[in-house]
Amino acid sequence: MSPFGRPSPEEHDALLAQIGPLPLRGRAWPRWIAVIAWLIMAIIVIRLAMVLQLSPDQALPMPVILSIMVCVGALIWMSAHMWTSVTEISDWGIRQSWITRREVPWSEVQSTKFIPLFASKKLVCFVQKGRPVTFQAGTPELQAAFARISLVYRKRT
């Protein structure tokens, strides 16, 4: 095994066999997180509608209202991506659909770090060149696979 976390080809093949039949696909964000994001968006939109109905002497200036509407639009776009984003582990590597597509082939993964946060379980993949790539796991199967990947690709010192 290399000191940089890369397993031998045999260890990598054993990892993929442990993960199960590939490709393994699932939601990137847990459904309850996406539902909460949409509920927050609904509250923001309702509150914005209430502000827009104020009398002219109480109303916010138009540039402020337009700025808020742009921000709300961006948050709706992000919530939509949270709802539809999918993470996939395959023989090729790991992919996730998101605002921009995230992907990393196994050949570029040097080491990984599993981050089990309350709202989202994440796998940070450190690659040969460039910035680390972070993937979300919204299903128990993906979370278990991320934990296994992290054990096999952990950084050695």
C-alpha atoms as a PDB file:
ATOM      1  CA  MET A   1       0.000   0.000   0.000  1.00  0.00           C
ATOM      2  CA  SER A   2       1.336   3.443  -0.862  1.00  0.00           C
ATOM      3  CA  PRO A   3       1.893   6.048   1.880  1.00  0.00           C
ATOM      4  CA  PHE A   4      -0.479   8.403   0.055  1.00  0.00           C
ATOM      5  CA  GLY A   5      -3.568   6.305   0.694  1.00  0.00           C
ATOM      6  CA  ARG A   6      -3.850   4.620  -2.680  1.00  0.00           C
ATOM      7  CA  PRO A   7      -4.657   0.943  -2.214  1.00  0.00           C
ATOM      8  CA  SER A   8      -3.228  -1.852  -4.297  1.00  0.00           C
ATOM      9  CA  PRO A   9      -5.333  -3.021  -7.279  1.00  0.00           C
ATOM     10  CA  GLU A  10      -6.379  -6.086  -5.255  1.00  0.00           C
ATOM     11  CA  GLU A  11      -7.536  -3.931  -2.334  1.00  0.00           C
ATOM     12  CA  HIS A  12      -9.412  -1.645  -4.726  1.00  0.00           C
ATOM     13  CA  ASP A  13     -11.146  -4.628  -6.371  1.00  0.00           C
ATOM     14  CA  ALA A  14     -12.075  -6.002  -2.930  1.00  0.00           C
ATOM     15  CA  LEU A  15     -13.530  -2.588  -2.018  1.00  0.00           C
ATOM     16  CA  LEU A  16     -15.715  -2.507  -5.128  1.00  0.00           C
ATOM     17  CA  ALA A  17     -16.881  -6.052  -4.405  1.00  0.00           C
ATOM     18  CA  GLN A  18     -17.779  -5.042  -0.813  1.00  0.00           C
ATOM     19  CA  ILE A  19     -19.773  -2.045  -2.017  1.00  0.00           C
ATOM     20  CA  GLY A  20     -21.979  -4.380  -4.004  1.00  0.00           C
ATOM     21  CA  PRO A  21     -23.310  -4.412  -7.526  1.00  0.00           C
ATOM     22  CA  LEU A  22     -22.150  -1.332  -9.371  1.00  0.00           C
ATOM     23  CA  PRO A  23     -23.152   1.270 -10.265  1.00  0.00           C
ATOM     24  CA  LEU A  24     -24.492   2.225  -6.848  1.00  0.00           C
ATOM     25  CA  ARG A  25     -26.790   5.234  -7.250  1.00  0.00           C
ATOM     26  CA  GLY A  26     -28.751   7.235  -4.717  1.00  0.00           C
ATOM     27  CA  ARG A  27     -29.910  10.638  -3.613  1.00  0.00           C
ATOM     28  CA  ALA A  28     -27.087  13.033  -2.857  1.00  0.00           C
ATOM     29  CA  TRP A  29     -29.050  14.779  -0.094  1.00  0.00           C
ATOM     30  CA  PRO A  30     -31.376  13.069   2.389  1.00  0.00           C
ATOM     31  CA  ARG A  31     -35.015  13.611   1.432  1.00  0.00           C
ATOM     32  CA  TRP A  32     -35.786  15.296   4.773  1.00  0.00           C
ATOM     33  CA  ILE A  33     -33.086  17.921   4.169  1.00  0.00           C
ATOM     34  CA  ALA A  34     -34.511  18.707   0.737  1.00  0.00           C
ATOM     35  CA  VAL A  35     -38.031  18.954   2.209  1.00  0.00           C
ATOM     36  CA  ILE A  36     -36.775  21.375   4.872  1.00  0.00           C
ATOM     37  CA  ALA A  37     -35.083  23.458   2.159  1.00  0.00           C
ATOM     38  CA  TRP A  38     -38.388  23.683   0.259  1.00  0.00           C
ATOM     39  CA  LEU A  39     -40.316  24.564   3.435  1.00  0.00           C
ATOM     40  CA  ILE A  40     -37.873  27.378   4.178  1.00  0.00           C
ATOM     41  CA  MET A  41     -38.255  28.576   0.593  1.00  0.00           C
ATOM     42  CA  ALA A  42     -42.052  28.603   0.980  1.00  0.00           C
ATOM     43  CA  ILE A  43     -41.769  30.688   4.160  1.00  0.00           C
ATOM     44  CA  ILE A  44     -39.429  33.149   2.436  1.00  0.00           C
ATOM     45  CA  VAL A  45     -41.737  33.487  -0.592  1.00  0.00           C
ATOM     46  CA  ILE A  46     -44.815  34.000   1.629  1.00  0.00           C
ATOM     47  CA  ARG A  47     -42.987  36.645   3.659  1.00  0.00           C
ATOM     48  CA  LEU A  48     -41.796  38.338   0.453  1.00  0.00           C
ATOM     49  CA  ALA A  49     -45.391  38.413  -0.851  1.00  0.00           C
ATOM     50  CA  MET A  50     -46.495  40.029   2.415  1.00  0.00           C
ATOM     51  CA  VAL A  51     -43.799  42.697   2.090  1.00  0.00           C
ATOM     52  CA  LEU A  52     -44.833  43.427  -1.506  1.00  0.00           C
ATOM     53  CA  GLN A  53     -48.422  44.074  -0.352  1.00  0.00           C
ATOM     54  CA  LEU A  54     -47.416  46.870   2.040  1.00  0.00           C
ATOM     55  CA  SER A  55     -48.634  50.366   1.317  1.00  0.00           C
ATOM     56  CA  PRO A  56     -46.260  52.527  -0.744  1.00  0.00           C
ATOM     57  CA  ASP A  57     -45.141  54.563   2.272  1.00  0.00           C
ATOM     58  CA  GLN A  58     -44.132  51.361   4.163  1.00  0.00           C
ATOM     59  CA  ALA A  59     -42.695  49.462   1.190  1.00  0.00           C
ATOM     60  CA  LEU A  60     -39.039  48.713   0.661  1.00  0.00           C
ATOM     61  CA  PRO A  61     -37.189  50.545  -2.117  1.00  0.00           C
ATOM     62  CA  MET A  62     -37.404  48.782  -5.494  1.00  0.00           C
ATOM     63  CA  PRO A  63     -33.632  47.968  -5.688  1.00  0.00           C
ATOM     64  CA  VAL A  64     -33.895  46.166  -2.333  1.00  0.00           C
ATOM     65  CA  ILE A  65     -36.946  44.200  -3.488  1.00  0.00           C
ATOM     66  CA  LEU A  66     -35.198  43.232  -6.742  1.00  0.00           C
ATOM     67  CA  SER A  67     -32.092  42.122  -4.814  1.00  0.00           C
ATOM     68  CA  ILE A  68     -34.215  39.971  -2.519  1.00  0.00           C
ATOM     69  CA  MET A  69     -36.023  38.435  -5.494  1.00  0.00           C
ATOM     70  CA  VAL A  70     -32.710  37.549  -7.165  1.00  0.00           C
ATOM     71  CA  CYS A  71     -31.529  35.888  -3.935  1.00  0.00           C
ATOM     72  CA  VAL A  72     -34.809  33.981  -3.589  1.00  0.00           C
ATOM     73  CA  GLY A  73     -34.483  32.795  -7.183  1.00  0.00           C
ATOM     74  CA  ALA A  74     -30.962  31.528  -6.493  1.00  0.00           C
ATOM     75  CA  LEU A  75     -32.147  29.725  -3.353  1.00  0.00           C
ATOM     76  CA  ILE A  76     -35.003  28.090  -5.278  1.00  0.00           C
ATOM     77  CA  TRP A  77     -32.511  26.951  -7.929  1.00  0.00           C
ATOM     78  CA  MET A  78     -30.260  25.472  -5.231  1.00  0.00           C
ATOM     79  CA  SER A  79     -33.210  23.752  -3.515  1.00  0.00           C
ATOM     80  CA  ALA A  80     -34.211  22.200  -6.839  1.00  0.00           C
ATOM     81  CA  HIS A  81     -30.707  20.800  -7.256  1.00  0.00           C
ATOM     82  CA  MET A  82     -30.771  19.424  -3.708  1.00  0.00           C
ATOM     83  CA  TRP A  83     -34.002  17.601  -4.588  1.00  0.00           C
ATOM     84  CA  THR A  84     -32.756  16.101  -7.872  1.00  0.00           C
ATOM     85  CA  SER A  85     -29.028  15.558  -7.244  1.00  0.00           C
ATOM     86  CA  VAL A  86     -27.801  11.958  -7.567  1.00  0.00           C
ATOM     87  CA  THR A  87     -24.507  10.403  -6.458  1.00  0.00           C
ATOM     88  CA  GLU A  88     -23.133   7.369  -8.308  1.00  0.00           C
ATOM     89  CA  ILE A  89     -20.247   5.045  -7.466  1.00  0.00           C
ATOM     90  CA  SER A  90     -19.092   2.959 -10.434  1.00  0.00           C
ATOM     91  CA  ASP A  91     -16.096   1.046 -11.722  1.00  0.00           C
ATOM     92  CA  TRP A  92     -14.942   4.332 -13.284  1.00  0.00           C
ATOM     93  CA  GLY A  93     -15.107   6.429 -10.098  1.00  0.00           C
ATOM     94  CA  ILE A  94     -17.556   8.678  -8.271  1.00  0.00           C
ATOM     95  CA  ARG A  95     -19.976  11.151  -9.886  1.00  0.00           C
ATOM     96  CA  GLN A  96     -22.564  13.540  -8.520  1.00  0.00           C
ATOM     97  CA  SER A  97     -24.992  15.716 -10.394  1.00  0.00           C
ATOM     98  CA  TRP A  98     -25.148  19.122  -8.766  1.00  0.00           C
ATOM     99  CA  ILE A  99     -25.155  22.759  -9.861  1.00  0.00           C
ATOM    100  CA  THR A 100     -21.926  21.799 -11.619  1.00  0.00           C
ATOM    101  CA  ARG A 101     -21.153  18.145 -12.245  1.00  0.00           C
ATOM    102  CA  ARG A 102     -18.724  16.635  -9.737  1.00  0.00           C
ATOM    103  CA  GLU A 103     -16.739  13.601 -10.745  1.00  0.00           C
ATOM    104  CA  VAL A 104     -13.433  11.938  -9.993  1.00  0.00           C
ATOM    105  CA  PRO A 105     -12.020   8.745 -11.525  1.00  0.00           C
ATOM    106  CA  TRP A 106     -10.474   6.156  -9.198  1.00  0.00           C
ATOM    107  CA  SER A 107      -7.120   6.676 -10.924  1.00  0.00           C
ATOM    108  CA  GLU A 108      -6.940  10.259  -9.602  1.00  0.00           C
ATOM    109  CA  VAL A 109      -7.997   9.590  -5.990  1.00  0.00           C
ATOM    110  CA  GLN A 110      -5.009   9.867  -3.640  1.00  0.00           C
ATOM    111  CA  SER A 111      -6.845   9.720  -0.304  1.00  0.00           C
ATOM    112  CA  THR A 112     -10.286  10.344   1.138  1.00  0.00           C
ATOM    113  CA  LYS A 113     -11.930  11.640   4.288  1.00  0.00           C
ATOM    114  CA  PHE A 114     -15.437  10.618   5.418  1.00  0.00           C
ATOM    115  CA  ILE A 115     -17.289  13.406   7.235  1.00  0.00           C
ATOM    116  CA  PRO A 116     -20.441  12.114   8.988  1.00  0.00           C
ATOM    117  CA  LEU A 117     -22.323  15.349   9.638  1.00  0.00           C
ATOM    118  CA  PHE A 118     -25.841  15.308  11.084  1.00  0.00           C
ATOM    119  CA  ALA A 119     -27.567  16.617   7.974  1.00  0.00           C
ATOM    120  CA  SER A 120     -25.330  15.148   5.295  1.00  0.00           C
ATOM    121  CA  LYS A 121     -22.680  12.455   5.107  1.00  0.00           C
ATOM    122  CA  LYS A 122     -19.801  13.600   2.906  1.00  0.00           C
ATOM    123  CA  LEU A 123     -16.788  12.029   1.260  1.00  0.00           C
ATOM    124  CA  VAL A 124     -13.922  14.371   0.438  1.00  0.00           C
ATOM    125  CA  CYS A 125     -11.668  12.961  -2.289  1.00  0.00           C
ATOM    126  CA  PHE A 126      -8.150  14.377  -2.446  1.00  0.00           C
ATOM    127  CA  VAL A 127      -6.911  14.143  -6.023  1.00  0.00           C
ATOM    128  CA  GLN A 128      -3.477  14.242  -7.658  1.00  0.00           C
ATOM    129  CA  LYS A 129      -3.913  17.743  -9.076  1.00  0.00           C
ATOM    130  CA  GLY A 130      -6.369  20.425  -8.131  1.00  0.00           C
ATOM    131  CA  ARG A 131      -8.807  20.957  -5.320  1.00  0.00           C
ATOM    132  CA  PRO A 132     -10.458  18.168  -3.321  1.00  0.00           C
ATOM    133  CA  VAL A 133     -13.863  17.034  -4.577  1.00  0.00           C
ATOM    134  CA  THR A 134     -16.704  16.625  -2.064  1.00  0.00           C
ATOM    135  CA  PHE A 135     -19.610  14.222  -2.588  1.00  0.00           C
ATOM    136  CA  GLN A 136     -22.839  13.927  -0.574  1.00  0.00           C
ATOM    137  CA  ALA A 137     -24.572  10.677   0.389  1.00  0.00           C
ATOM    138  CA  GLY A 138     -28.293  10.834   1.070  1.00  0.00           C
ATOM    139  CA  THR A 139     -29.022   7.105   1.352  1.00  0.00           C
ATOM    140  CA  PRO A 140     -27.784   4.524   3.874  1.00  0.00           C
ATOM    141  CA  GLU A 141     -26.220   2.463   1.051  1.00  0.00           C
ATOM    142  CA  LEU A 142     -24.157   5.403  -0.184  1.00  0.00           C
ATOM    143  CA  GLN A 143     -23.199   6.337   3.376  1.00  0.00           C
ATOM    144  CA  ALA A 144     -21.920   2.809   4.039  1.00  0.00           C
ATOM    145  CA  ALA A 145     -20.029   2.834   0.734  1.00  0.00           C
ATOM    146  CA  PHE A 146     -18.444   6.197   1.588  1.00  0.00           C
ATOM    147  CA  ALA A 147     -17.293   4.821   4.954  1.00  0.00           C
ATOM    148  CA  ARG A 148     -15.736   1.768   3.253  1.00  0.00           C
ATOM    149  CA  ILE A 149     -14.032   3.924   0.617  1.00  0.00           C
ATOM    150  CA  SER A 150     -12.645   6.151   3.347  1.00  0.00           C
ATOM    151  CA  LEU A 151     -11.173   3.175   5.200  1.00  0.00           C
ATOM    152  CA  VAL A 152      -9.442   1.851   2.079  1.00  0.00           C
ATOM    153  CA  TYR A 153      -8.276   5.246   0.771  1.00  0.00           C
ATOM    154  CA  ARG A 154      -7.381   6.855   4.096  1.00  0.00           C
ATOM    155  CA  LYS A 155      -4.255   8.967   4.187  1.00  0.00           C
ATOM    156  CA  ARG A 156      -1.254   7.154   5.637  1.00  0.00           C
ATOM    157  CA  THR A 157       1.410   9.019   7.579  1.00  0.00           C
END
